[in-house]
Amino acid sequence: MPTYDYRCNACDHEFELFQSMSAPVKKKCPSCGKLALERLIGTGAAVLFKGSGFYETDYRSKSYKDAAKKDSEAAKPKTDTSSDAKSVKAGSSKTPPSAKPSSAPSKSTD
């Protein structure tokens, strides 16, 4: 149930009232007794998750984080250390045979 802020327009008395959302708006001021209460619009409160079980992945132990790091490193692709890869990295300008453009004329679909 939410807490509502009220202010009396007659005596400027301000207070908070804990009531259900379906409860009617209060009209009578508890301080002066006049029917001049106004419910104030507030900014609201932040949601707080307390206790175990809320956002458990955000608060993992150090051992869990270490194991997750090892798993992510094992999942990374290995770099190619063959002699072909070394020659390409060394600045070889040779184009592999599979990457050469074909000299066959292209067909037009006009």
PDB file of N, CA and C in Angstrom:
ATOM      1  N   MET A   1       0.843  -1.187   0.000  1.00  0.00           N
ATOM      2  CA  MET A   1       0.000   0.000   0.000  1.00  0.00           C
ATOM      3  C   MET A   1       0.886   1.247   0.000  1.00  0.00           C
ATOM      4  N   PRO A   2       0.526   2.235  -0.784  1.00  0.00           N
ATOM      5  CA  PRO A   2       1.342   3.446  -0.873  1.00  0.00           C
ATOM      6  C   PRO A   2       1.067   4.436   0.247  1.00  0.00           C
ATOM      7  N   THR A   3       2.009   5.343   0.392  1.00  0.00           N
ATOM      8  CA  THR A   3       1.880   6.446   1.344  1.00  0.00           C
ATOM      9  C   THR A   3       1.582   7.706   0.548  1.00  0.00           C
ATOM     10  N   TYR A   4       0.525   8.397   0.924  1.00  0.00           N
ATOM     11  CA  TYR A   4       0.129   9.627   0.234  1.00  0.00           C
ATOM     12  C   TYR A   4       0.421  10.836   1.102  1.00  0.00           C
ATOM     13  N   ASP A   5       0.831  11.936   0.448  1.00  0.00           N
ATOM     14  CA  ASP A   5       1.056  13.203   1.138  1.00  0.00           C
ATOM     15  C   ASP A   5      -0.196  14.059   0.988  1.00  0.00           C
ATOM     16  N   TYR A   6      -0.601  14.677   2.096  1.00  0.00           N
ATOM     17  CA  TYR A   6      -1.764  15.564   2.106  1.00  0.00           C
ATOM     18  C   TYR A   6      -1.355  16.905   2.685  1.00  0.00           C
ATOM     19  N   ARG A   7      -2.058  17.975   2.232  1.00  0.00           N
ATOM     20  CA  ARG A   7      -1.865  19.314   2.773  1.00  0.00           C
ATOM     21  C   ARG A   7      -3.227  19.981   2.893  1.00  0.00           C
ATOM     22  N   CYS A   8      -3.438  20.638   4.021  1.00  0.00           N
ATOM     23  CA  CYS A   8      -4.682  21.374   4.233  1.00  0.00           C
ATOM     24  C   CYS A   8      -4.511  22.774   3.659  1.00  0.00           C
ATOM     25  N   ASN A   9      -5.426  23.185   2.806  1.00  0.00           N
ATOM     26  CA  ASN A   9      -5.372  24.521   2.222  1.00  0.00           C
ATOM     27  C   ASN A   9      -5.810  25.597   3.198  1.00  0.00           C
ATOM     28  N   ALA A  10      -6.462  25.213   4.295  1.00  0.00           N
ATOM     29  CA  ALA A  10      -6.920  26.188   5.290  1.00  0.00           C
ATOM     30  C   ALA A  10      -5.821  26.504   6.310  1.00  0.00           C
ATOM     31  N   CYS A  11      -5.167  25.462   6.855  1.00  0.00           N
ATOM     32  CA  CYS A  11      -4.183  25.695   7.919  1.00  0.00           C
ATOM     33  C   CYS A  11      -2.749  25.309   7.536  1.00  0.00           C
ATOM     34  N   ASP A  12      -2.538  24.881   6.317  1.00  0.00           N
ATOM     35  CA  ASP A  12      -1.227  24.471   5.796  1.00  0.00           C
ATOM     36  C   ASP A  12      -0.599  23.298   6.556  1.00  0.00           C
ATOM     37  N   HIS A  13      -1.426  22.505   7.206  1.00  0.00           N
ATOM     38  CA  HIS A  13      -0.940  21.302   7.883  1.00  0.00           C
ATOM     39  C   HIS A  13      -0.625  20.252   6.828  1.00  0.00           C
ATOM     40  N   GLU A  14       0.601  19.660   6.904  1.00  0.00           N
ATOM     41  CA  GLU A  14       1.005  18.621   5.960  1.00  0.00           C
ATOM     42  C   GLU A  14       1.258  17.333   6.724  1.00  0.00           C
ATOM     43  N   PHE A  15       0.837  16.205   6.118  1.00  0.00           N
ATOM     44  CA  PHE A  15       1.056  14.907   6.740  1.00  0.00           C
ATOM     45  C   PHE A  15       1.028  13.823   5.672  1.00  0.00           C
ATOM     46  N   GLU A  16       1.494  12.625   6.084  1.00  0.00           N
ATOM     47  CA  GLU A  16       1.479  11.463   5.207  1.00  0.00           C
ATOM     48  C   GLU A  16       0.443  10.491   5.716  1.00  0.00           C
ATOM     49  N   LEU A  17      -0.210   9.805   4.782  1.00  0.00           N
ATOM     50  CA  LEU A  17      -1.233   8.829   5.157  1.00  0.00           C
ATOM     51  C   LEU A  17      -0.993   7.541   4.375  1.00  0.00           C
ATOM     52  N   PHE A  18      -0.908   6.441   5.113  1.00  0.00           N
ATOM     53  CA  PHE A  18      -0.695   5.124   4.525  1.00  0.00           C
ATOM     54  C   PHE A  18      -2.068   4.535   4.246  1.00  0.00           C
ATOM     55  N   GLN A  19      -2.445   4.434   2.977  1.00  0.00           N
ATOM     56  CA  GLN A  19      -3.762   3.931   2.618  1.00  0.00           C
ATOM     57  C   GLN A  19      -3.703   3.185   1.295  1.00  0.00           C
ATOM     58  N   SER A  20      -4.702   2.341   1.056  1.00  0.00           N
ATOM     59  CA  SER A  20      -4.723   1.560  -0.175  1.00  0.00           C
ATOM     60  C   SER A  20      -5.037   2.461  -1.362  1.00  0.00           C
ATOM     61  N   MET A  21      -4.735   1.960  -2.540  1.00  0.00           N
ATOM     62  CA  MET A  21      -4.957   2.751  -3.752  1.00  0.00           C
ATOM     63  C   MET A  21      -6.444   2.930  -4.049  1.00  0.00           C
ATOM     64  N   SER A  22      -7.257   1.996  -3.596  1.00  0.00           N
ATOM     65  CA  SER A  22      -8.691   2.079  -3.863  1.00  0.00           C
ATOM     66  C   SER A  22      -9.432   2.887  -2.804  1.00  0.00           C
ATOM     67  N   ALA A  23      -8.750   3.311  -1.757  1.00  0.00           N
ATOM     68  CA  ALA A  23      -9.398   4.099  -0.701  1.00  0.00           C
ATOM     69  C   ALA A  23      -9.727   5.497  -1.234  1.00  0.00           C
ATOM     70  N   PRO A  24     -10.838   6.066  -0.783  1.00  0.00           N
ATOM     71  CA  PRO A  24     -11.195   7.413  -1.250  1.00  0.00           C
ATOM     72  C   PRO A  24     -10.212   8.460  -0.715  1.00  0.00           C
ATOM     73  N   VAL A  25     -10.093   9.569  -1.447  1.00  0.00           N
ATOM     74  CA  VAL A  25      -9.227  10.669  -1.045  1.00  0.00           C
ATOM     75  C   VAL A  25      -9.825  11.319   0.196  1.00  0.00           C
ATOM     76  N   LYS A  26      -8.978  11.595   1.191  1.00  0.00           N
ATOM     77  CA  LYS A  26      -9.445  12.232   2.434  1.00  0.00           C
ATOM     78  C   LYS A  26      -9.755  13.699   2.171  1.00  0.00           C
ATOM     79  N   LYS A  27     -10.790  14.195   2.821  1.00  0.00           N
ATOM     80  CA  LYS A  27     -11.210  15.593   2.624  1.00  0.00           C
ATOM     81  C   LYS A  27     -11.071  16.416   3.907  1.00  0.00           C
ATOM     82  N   LYS A  28     -11.235  15.775   5.076  1.00  0.00           N
ATOM     83  CA  LYS A  28     -11.264  16.501   6.352  1.00  0.00           C
ATOM     84  C   LYS A  28      -9.873  16.529   6.984  1.00  0.00           C
ATOM     85  N   CYS A  29      -9.409  17.721   7.336  1.00  0.00           N
ATOM     86  CA  CYS A  29      -8.103  17.917   7.946  1.00  0.00           C
ATOM     87  C   CYS A  29      -8.134  17.426   9.397  1.00  0.00           C
ATOM     88  N   PRO A  30      -7.177  16.603   9.816  1.00  0.00           N
ATOM     89  CA  PRO A  30      -7.158  16.143  11.203  1.00  0.00           C
ATOM     90  C   PRO A  30      -6.723  17.233  12.186  1.00  0.00           C
ATOM     91  N   SER A  31      -6.129  18.302  11.700  1.00  0.00           N
ATOM     92  CA  SER A  31      -5.658  19.381  12.563  1.00  0.00           C
ATOM     93  C   SER A  31      -6.741  20.427  12.830  1.00  0.00           C
ATOM     94  N   CYS A  32      -7.347  20.962  11.766  1.00  0.00           N
ATOM     95  CA  CYS A  32      -8.334  22.032  11.944  1.00  0.00           C
ATOM     96  C   CYS A  32      -9.772  21.559  11.749  1.00  0.00           C
ATOM     97  N   GLY A  33      -9.966  20.401  11.146  1.00  0.00           N
ATOM     98  CA  GLY A  33     -11.303  19.850  10.962  1.00  0.00           C
ATOM     99  C   GLY A  33     -12.042  20.363   9.742  1.00  0.00           C
ATOM    100  N   LYS A  34     -11.450  21.206   8.952  1.00  0.00           N
ATOM    101  CA  LYS A  34     -12.113  21.750   7.770  1.00  0.00           C
ATOM    102  C   LYS A  34     -11.975  20.775   6.599  1.00  0.00           C
ATOM    103  N   LEU A  35     -12.878  20.897   5.637  1.00  0.00           N
ATOM    104  CA  LEU A  35     -12.868  20.053   4.433  1.00  0.00           C
ATOM    105  C   LEU A  35     -12.020  20.721   3.342  1.00  0.00           C
ATOM    106  N   ALA A  36     -10.738  20.866   3.629  1.00  0.00           N
ATOM    107  CA  ALA A  36      -9.858  21.579   2.702  1.00  0.00           C
ATOM    108  C   ALA A  36      -8.583  20.793   2.397  1.00  0.00           C
ATOM    109  N   LEU A  37      -8.618  19.475   2.549  1.00  0.00           N
ATOM    110  CA  LEU A  37      -7.424  18.673   2.267  1.00  0.00           C
ATOM    111  C   LEU A  37      -7.210  18.508   0.772  1.00  0.00           C
ATOM    112  N   GLU A  38      -5.947  18.436   0.399  1.00  0.00           N
ATOM    113  CA  GLU A  38      -5.571  18.223  -0.978  1.00  0.00           C
ATOM    114  C   GLU A  38      -4.478  17.156  -1.004  1.00  0.00           C
ATOM    115  N   ARG A  39      -4.642  16.137  -1.860  1.00  0.00           N
ATOM    116  CA  ARG A  39      -3.603  15.121  -1.982  1.00  0.00           C
ATOM    117  C   ARG A  39      -2.533  15.656  -2.910  1.00  0.00           C
ATOM    118  N   LEU A  40      -1.282  15.597  -2.464  1.00  0.00           N
ATOM    119  CA  LEU A  40      -0.166  16.120  -3.229  1.00  0.00           C
ATOM    120  C   LEU A  40       0.384  15.056  -4.155  1.00  0.00           C
ATOM    121  N   ILE A  41       0.878  15.492  -5.286  1.00  0.00           N
ATOM    122  CA  ILE A  41       1.500  14.591  -6.235  1.00  0.00           C
ATOM    123  C   ILE A  41       2.989  14.584  -5.946  1.00  0.00           C
ATOM    124  N   GLY A  42       3.512  13.409  -5.605  1.00  0.00           N
ATOM    125  CA  GLY A  42       4.931  13.286  -5.265  1.00  0.00           C
ATOM    126  C   GLY A  42       5.704  12.659  -6.397  1.00  0.00           C
ATOM    127  N   THR A  43       6.993  12.559  -6.187  1.00  0.00           N
ATOM    128  CA  THR A  43       7.869  11.955  -7.179  1.00  0.00           C
ATOM    129  C   THR A  43       7.883  10.444  -7.063  1.00  0.00           C
ATOM    130  N   GLY A  44       7.348   9.929  -5.991  1.00  0.00           N
ATOM    131  CA  GLY A  44       7.342   8.482  -5.811  1.00  0.00           C
ATOM    132  C   GLY A  44       8.611   8.021  -5.133  1.00  0.00           C
ATOM    133  N   ALA A  45       8.637   6.775  -4.813  1.00  0.00           N
ATOM    134  CA  ALA A  45       9.789   6.203  -4.129  1.00  0.00           C
ATOM    135  C   ALA A  45      10.461   5.183  -5.039  1.00  0.00           C
ATOM    136  N   ALA A  46      11.707   4.973  -4.782  1.00  0.00           N
ATOM    137  CA  ALA A  46      12.447   3.972  -5.549  1.00  0.00           C
ATOM    138  C   ALA A  46      12.057   2.587  -5.071  1.00  0.00           C
ATOM    139  N   VAL A  47      12.171   1.626  -5.947  1.00  0.00           N
ATOM    140  CA  VAL A  47      11.872   0.242  -5.603  1.00  0.00           C
ATOM    141  C   VAL A  47      13.122  -0.361  -4.993  1.00  0.00           C
ATOM    142  N   LEU A  48      12.978  -0.923  -3.816  1.00  0.00           N
ATOM    143  CA  LEU A  48      14.098  -1.559  -3.142  1.00  0.00           C
ATOM    144  C   LEU A  48      13.838  -3.041  -3.039  1.00  0.00           C
ATOM    145  N   PHE A  49      14.789  -3.839  -3.504  1.00  0.00           N
ATOM    146  CA  PHE A  49      14.693  -5.276  -3.388  1.00  0.00           C
ATOM    147  C   PHE A  49      15.586  -5.714  -2.238  1.00  0.00           C
ATOM    148  N   LYS A  50      14.987  -6.192  -1.184  1.00  0.00           N
ATOM    149  CA  LYS A  50      15.758  -6.621  -0.024  1.00  0.00           C
ATOM    150  C   LYS A  50      15.611  -8.120   0.155  1.00  0.00           C
ATOM    151  N   GLY A  51      16.627  -8.714   0.695  1.00  0.00           N
ATOM    152  CA  GLY A  51      16.573 -10.134   0.973  1.00  0.00           C
ATOM    153  C   GLY A  51      17.282 -10.933  -0.103  1.00  0.00           C
ATOM    154  N   SER A  52      17.315 -12.226   0.103  1.00  0.00           N
ATOM    155  CA  SER A  52      18.008 -13.084  -0.861  1.00  0.00           C
ATOM    156  C   SER A  52      17.099 -13.379  -2.041  1.00  0.00           C
ATOM    157  N   GLY A  53      17.710 -13.583  -3.181  1.00  0.00           N
ATOM    158  CA  GLY A  53      16.952 -13.968  -4.355  1.00  0.00           C
ATOM    159  C   GLY A  53      16.682 -12.864  -5.343  1.00  0.00           C
ATOM    160  N   PHE A  54      16.899 -11.608  -4.991  1.00  0.00           N
ATOM    161  CA  PHE A  54      16.644 -10.517  -5.922  1.00  0.00           C
ATOM    162  C   PHE A  54      17.926 -10.157  -6.646  1.00  0.00           C
ATOM    163  N   TYR A  55      17.868 -10.202  -7.960  1.00  0.00           N
ATOM    164  CA  TYR A  55      18.996  -9.844  -8.811  1.00  0.00           C
ATOM    165  C   TYR A  55      20.255 -10.561  -8.352  1.00  0.00           C
ATOM    166  N   GLU A  56      20.144 -11.849  -8.203  1.00  0.00           N
ATOM    167  CA  GLU A  56      21.238 -12.664  -7.698  1.00  0.00           C
ATOM    168  C   GLU A  56      22.464 -12.587  -8.593  1.00  0.00           C
ATOM    169  N   THR A  57      22.260 -12.405  -9.884  1.00  0.00           N
ATOM    170  CA  THR A  57      23.401 -12.361 -10.802  1.00  0.00           C
ATOM    171  C   THR A  57      24.226 -11.097 -10.626  1.00  0.00           C
ATOM    172  N   ASP A  58      23.681 -10.061 -10.039  1.00  0.00           N
ATOM    173  CA  ASP A  58      24.425  -8.828  -9.826  1.00  0.00           C
ATOM    174  C   ASP A  58      25.375  -8.920  -8.641  1.00  0.00           C
ATOM    175  N   TYR A  59      25.154  -9.851  -7.761  1.00  0.00           N
ATOM    176  CA  TYR A  59      25.926  -9.930  -6.526  1.00  0.00           C
ATOM    177  C   TYR A  59      26.576 -11.304  -6.375  1.00  0.00           C
ATOM    178  N   ARG A  60      27.234 -11.778  -7.403  1.00  0.00           N
ATOM    179  CA  ARG A  60      27.861 -13.092  -7.358  1.00  0.00           C
ATOM    180  C   ARG A  60      29.143 -13.045  -6.535  1.00  0.00           C
ATOM    181  N   SER A  61      29.524 -14.212  -6.043  1.00  0.00           N
ATOM    182  CA  SER A  61      30.745 -14.323  -5.250  1.00  0.00           C
ATOM    183  C   SER A  61      31.970 -14.238  -6.162  1.00  0.00           C
ATOM    184  N   LYS A  62      33.127 -14.039  -5.551  1.00  0.00           N
ATOM    185  CA  LYS A  62      34.370 -13.925  -6.303  1.00  0.00           C
ATOM    186  C   LYS A  62      34.677 -15.227  -7.034  1.00  0.00           C
ATOM    187  N   SER A  63      34.417 -16.365  -6.406  1.00  0.00           N
ATOM    188  CA  SER A  63      34.703 -17.648  -7.053  1.00  0.00           C
ATOM    189  C   SER A  63      33.826 -17.840  -8.293  1.00  0.00           C
ATOM    190  N   TYR A  64      32.584 -17.385  -8.242  1.00  0.00           N
ATOM    191  CA  TYR A  64      31.706 -17.491  -9.405  1.00  0.00           C
ATOM    192  C   TYR A  64      32.218 -16.602 -10.537  1.00  0.00           C
ATOM    193  N   LYS A  65      32.642 -15.397 -10.221  1.00  0.00           N
ATOM    194  CA  LYS A  65      33.143 -14.484 -11.244  1.00  0.00           C
ATOM    195  C   LYS A  65      34.412 -15.027 -11.888  1.00  0.00           C
ATOM    196  N   ASP A  66      35.295 -15.642 -11.069  1.00  0.00           N
ATOM    197  CA  ASP A  66      36.517 -16.220 -11.617  1.00  0.00           C
ATOM    198  C   ASP A  66      36.207 -17.369 -12.564  1.00  0.00           C
ATOM    199  N   ALA A  67      35.268 -18.242 -12.191  1.00  0.00           N
ATOM    200  CA  ALA A  67      34.889 -19.366 -13.052  1.00  0.00           C
ATOM    201  C   ALA A  67      34.253 -18.868 -14.351  1.00  0.00           C
ATOM    202  N   ALA A  68      33.441 -17.827 -14.275  1.00  0.00           N
ATOM    203  CA  ALA A  68      32.813 -17.268 -15.477  1.00  0.00           C
ATOM    204  C   ALA A  68      33.858 -16.662 -16.402  1.00  0.00           C
ATOM    205  N   LYS A  69      34.888 -16.054 -15.826  1.00  0.00           N
ATOM    206  CA  LYS A  69      35.952 -15.468 -16.637  1.00  0.00           C
ATOM    207  C   LYS A  69      36.726 -16.561 -17.374  1.00  0.00           C
ATOM    208  N   LYS A  70      37.008 -17.666 -16.683  1.00  0.00           N
ATOM    209  CA  LYS A  70      37.709 -18.778 -17.322  1.00  0.00           C
ATOM    210  C   LYS A  70      36.864 -19.371 -18.454  1.00  0.00           C
ATOM    211  N   ASP A  71      35.564 -19.494 -18.228  1.00  0.00           N
ATOM    212  CA  ASP A  71      34.674 -20.024 -19.271  1.00  0.00           C
ATOM    213  C   ASP A  71      34.644 -19.117 -20.492  1.00  0.00           C
ATOM    214  N   SER A  72      34.605 -17.807 -20.278  1.00  0.00           N
ATOM    215  CA  SER A  72      34.544 -16.889 -21.417  1.00  0.00           C
ATOM    216  C   SER A  72      35.853 -16.888 -22.189  1.00  0.00           C
ATOM    217  N   GLU A  73      36.982 -17.055 -21.486  1.00  0.00           N
ATOM    218  CA  GLU A  73      38.265 -17.122 -22.179  1.00  0.00           C
ATOM    219  C   GLU A  73      38.385 -18.411 -22.985  1.00  0.00           C
ATOM    220  N   ALA A  74      37.830 -19.500 -22.472  1.00  0.00           N
ATOM    221  CA  ALA A  74      37.875 -20.777 -23.189  1.00  0.00           C
ATOM    222  C   ALA A  74      36.990 -20.747 -24.430  1.00  0.00           C
ATOM    223  N   ALA A  75      35.964 -19.926 -24.432  1.00  0.00           N
ATOM    224  CA  ALA A  75      35.032 -19.849 -25.555  1.00  0.00           C
ATOM    225  C   ALA A  75      35.543 -18.958 -26.686  1.00  0.00           C
ATOM    226  N   LYS A  76      36.586 -18.160 -26.421  1.00  0.00           N
ATOM    227  CA  LYS A  76      37.121 -17.282 -27.460  1.00  0.00           C
ATOM    228  C   LYS A  76      37.777 -18.124 -28.545  1.00  0.00           C
ATOM    229  N   PRO A  77      37.650 -17.726 -29.823  1.00  0.00           N
ATOM    230  CA  PRO A  77      38.274 -18.490 -30.910  1.00  0.00           C
ATOM    231  C   PRO A  77      39.788 -18.366 -30.834  1.00  0.00           C
ATOM    232  N   LYS A  78      40.457 -19.453 -31.139  1.00  0.00           N
ATOM    233  CA  LYS A  78      41.924 -19.480 -31.147  1.00  0.00           C
ATOM    234  C   LYS A  78      42.421 -18.803 -32.420  1.00  0.00           C
ATOM    235  N   THR A  79      43.564 -18.109 -32.333  1.00  0.00           N
ATOM    236  CA  THR A  79      44.138 -17.481 -33.515  1.00  0.00           C
ATOM    237  C   THR A  79      44.914 -18.520 -34.302  1.00  0.00           C
ATOM    238  N   ASP A  80      44.954 -18.355 -35.620  1.00  0.00           N
ATOM    239  CA  ASP A  80      45.624 -19.294 -36.507  1.00  0.00           C
ATOM    240  C   ASP A  80      47.125 -19.009 -36.479  1.00  0.00           C
ATOM    241  N   THR A  81      47.919 -20.014 -36.114  1.00  0.00           N
ATOM    242  CA  THR A  81      49.371 -19.825 -36.033  1.00  0.00           C
ATOM    243  C   THR A  81      50.090 -20.580 -37.134  1.00  0.00           C
ATOM    244  N   SER A  82      49.417 -20.945 -38.202  1.00  0.00           N
ATOM    245  CA  SER A  82      50.054 -21.672 -39.296  1.00  0.00           C
ATOM    246  C   SER A  82      50.949 -20.735 -40.092  1.00  0.00           C
ATOM    247  N   SER A  83      51.784 -21.306 -40.945  1.00  0.00           N
ATOM    248  CA  SER A  83      52.734 -20.511 -41.725  1.00  0.00           C
ATOM    249  C   SER A  83      52.025 -19.601 -42.728  1.00  0.00           C
ATOM    250  N   ASP A  84      50.849 -20.006 -43.247  1.00  0.00           N
ATOM    251  CA  ASP A  84      50.104 -19.154 -44.181  1.00  0.00           C
ATOM    252  C   ASP A  84      49.627 -17.882 -43.505  1.00  0.00           C
ATOM    253  N   ALA A  85      49.147 -18.024 -42.292  1.00  0.00           N
ATOM    254  CA  ALA A  85      48.649 -16.854 -41.573  1.00  0.00           C
ATOM    255  C   ALA A  85      49.790 -15.915 -41.241  1.00  0.00           C
ATOM    256  N   LYS A  86      50.978 -16.471 -40.928  1.00  0.00           N
ATOM    257  CA  LYS A  86      52.129 -15.631 -40.609  1.00  0.00           C
ATOM    258  C   LYS A  86      52.585 -14.846 -41.831  1.00  0.00           C
ATOM    259  N   SER A  87      52.552 -15.463 -43.005  1.00  0.00           N
ATOM    260  CA  SER A  87      53.002 -14.757 -44.196  1.00  0.00           C
ATOM    261  C   SER A  87      52.035 -13.646 -44.580  1.00  0.00           C
ATOM    262  N   VAL A  88      50.740 -13.829 -44.349  1.00  0.00           N
ATOM    263  CA  VAL A  88      49.763 -12.784 -44.651  1.00  0.00           C
ATOM    264  C   VAL A  88      49.940 -11.635 -43.683  1.00  0.00           C
ATOM    265  N   LYS A  89      50.200 -11.967 -42.424  1.00  0.00           N
ATOM    266  CA  LYS A  89      50.398 -10.921 -41.427  1.00  0.00           C
ATOM    267  C   LYS A  89      51.694 -10.163 -41.669  1.00  0.00           C
ATOM    268  N   ALA A  90      52.687 -10.831 -42.261  1.00  0.00           N
ATOM    269  CA  ALA A  90      53.988 -10.206 -42.485  1.00  0.00           C
ATOM    270  C   ALA A  90      53.972  -9.229 -43.654  1.00  0.00           C
ATOM    271  N   GLY A  91      52.867  -9.101 -44.346  1.00  0.00           N
ATOM    272  CA  GLY A  91      52.762  -8.119 -45.409  1.00  0.00           C
ATOM    273  C   GLY A  91      52.775  -8.740 -46.784  1.00  0.00           C
ATOM    274  N   SER A  92      52.501  -9.989 -46.905  1.00  0.00           N
ATOM    275  CA  SER A  92      52.449 -10.640 -48.205  1.00  0.00           C
ATOM    276  C   SER A  92      51.274 -10.081 -48.982  1.00  0.00           C
ATOM    277  N   SER A  93      51.515  -9.710 -50.214  1.00  0.00           N
ATOM    278  CA  SER A  93      50.441  -9.141 -51.026  1.00  0.00           C
ATOM    279  C   SER A  93      49.811 -10.160 -51.944  1.00  0.00           C
ATOM    280  N   LYS A  94      50.176 -11.430 -51.786  1.00  0.00           N
ATOM    281  CA  LYS A  94      49.599 -12.457 -52.638  1.00  0.00           C
ATOM    282  C   LYS A  94      48.146 -12.693 -52.271  1.00  0.00           C
ATOM    283  N   THR A  95      47.306 -12.809 -53.276  1.00  0.00           N
ATOM    284  CA  THR A  95      45.894 -13.089 -53.055  1.00  0.00           C
ATOM    285  C   THR A  95      45.690 -14.584 -53.167  1.00  0.00           C
ATOM    286  N   PRO A  96      45.040 -15.195 -52.209  1.00  0.00           N
ATOM    287  CA  PRO A  96      44.808 -16.629 -52.307  1.00  0.00           C
ATOM    288  C   PRO A  96      44.002 -16.945 -53.560  1.00  0.00           C
ATOM    289  N   PRO A  97      44.188 -18.144 -54.150  1.00  0.00           N
ATOM    290  CA  PRO A  97      43.503 -18.481 -55.406  1.00  0.00           C
ATOM    291  C   PRO A  97      41.993 -18.401 -55.293  1.00  0.00           C
ATOM    292  N   SER A  98      41.429 -18.664 -54.138  1.00  0.00           N
ATOM    293  CA  SER A  98      39.970 -18.637 -54.011  1.00  0.00           C
ATOM    294  C   SER A  98      39.414 -17.221 -54.003  1.00  0.00           C
ATOM    295  N   ALA A  99      40.263 -16.217 -53.768  1.00  0.00           N
ATOM    296  CA  ALA A  99      39.784 -14.846 -53.685  1.00  0.00           C
ATOM    297  C   ALA A  99      39.965 -14.085 -54.984  1.00  0.00           C
ATOM    298  N   LYS A 100      40.589 -14.704 -56.033  1.00  0.00           N
ATOM    299  CA  LYS A 100      40.781 -14.009 -57.307  1.00  0.00           C
ATOM    300  C   LYS A 100      39.448 -13.861 -58.022  1.00  0.00           C
ATOM    301  N   PRO A 101      39.213 -12.709 -58.643  1.00  0.00           N
ATOM    302  CA  PRO A 101      37.955 -12.532 -59.378  1.00  0.00           C
ATOM    303  C   PRO A 101      37.943 -13.406 -60.618  1.00  0.00           C
ATOM    304  N   SER A 102      36.808 -13.899 -60.966  1.00  0.00           N
ATOM    305  CA  SER A 102      36.698 -14.754 -62.156  1.00  0.00           C
ATOM    306  C   SER A 102      36.658 -13.891 -63.408  1.00  0.00           C
ATOM    307  N   SER A 103      37.174 -14.426 -64.486  1.00  0.00           N
ATOM    308  CA  SER A 103      37.211 -13.656 -65.729  1.00  0.00           C
ATOM    309  C   SER A 103      36.012 -13.986 -66.617  1.00  0.00           C
ATOM    310  N   ALA A 104      35.096 -14.814 -66.133  1.00  0.00           N
ATOM    311  CA  ALA A 104      33.920 -15.164 -66.923  1.00  0.00           C
ATOM    312  C   ALA A 104      32.989 -13.972 -67.006  1.00  0.00           C
ATOM    313  N   PRO A 105      32.375 -13.737 -68.172  1.00  0.00           N
ATOM    314  CA  PRO A 105      31.462 -12.595 -68.306  1.00  0.00           C
ATOM    315  C   PRO A 105      30.224 -12.818 -67.441  1.00  0.00           C
ATOM    316  N   SER A 106      29.749 -11.744 -66.874  1.00  0.00           N
ATOM    317  CA  SER A 106      28.555 -11.864 -66.037  1.00  0.00           C
ATOM    318  C   SER A 106      27.316 -11.817 -66.907  1.00  0.00           C
ATOM    319  N   LYS A 107      26.302 -12.541 -66.483  1.00  0.00           N
ATOM    320  CA  LYS A 107      25.049 -12.586 -67.242  1.00  0.00           C
ATOM    321  C   LYS A 107      24.143 -11.468 -66.757  1.00  0.00           C
ATOM    322  N   SER A 108      23.513 -10.809 -67.679  1.00  0.00           N
ATOM    323  CA  SER A 108      22.597  -9.736 -67.354  1.00  0.00           C
ATOM    324  C   SER A 108      21.168 -10.281 -67.338  1.00  0.00           C
ATOM    325  N   THR A 109      20.370  -9.823 -66.424  1.00  0.00           N
ATOM    326  CA  THR A 109      18.993 -10.300 -66.321  1.00  0.00           C
ATOM    327  C   THR A 109      17.999  -9.260 -66.799  1.00  0.00           C
ATOM    328  N   ASP A 110      18.396  -8.427 -67.732  1.00  0.00           N
ATOM    329  CA  ASP A 110      17.511  -7.358 -68.239  1.00  0.00           C
ATOM    330  C   ASP A 110      16.372  -7.883 -68.982  1.00  0.00           C
TER     331      ASP A 110
END
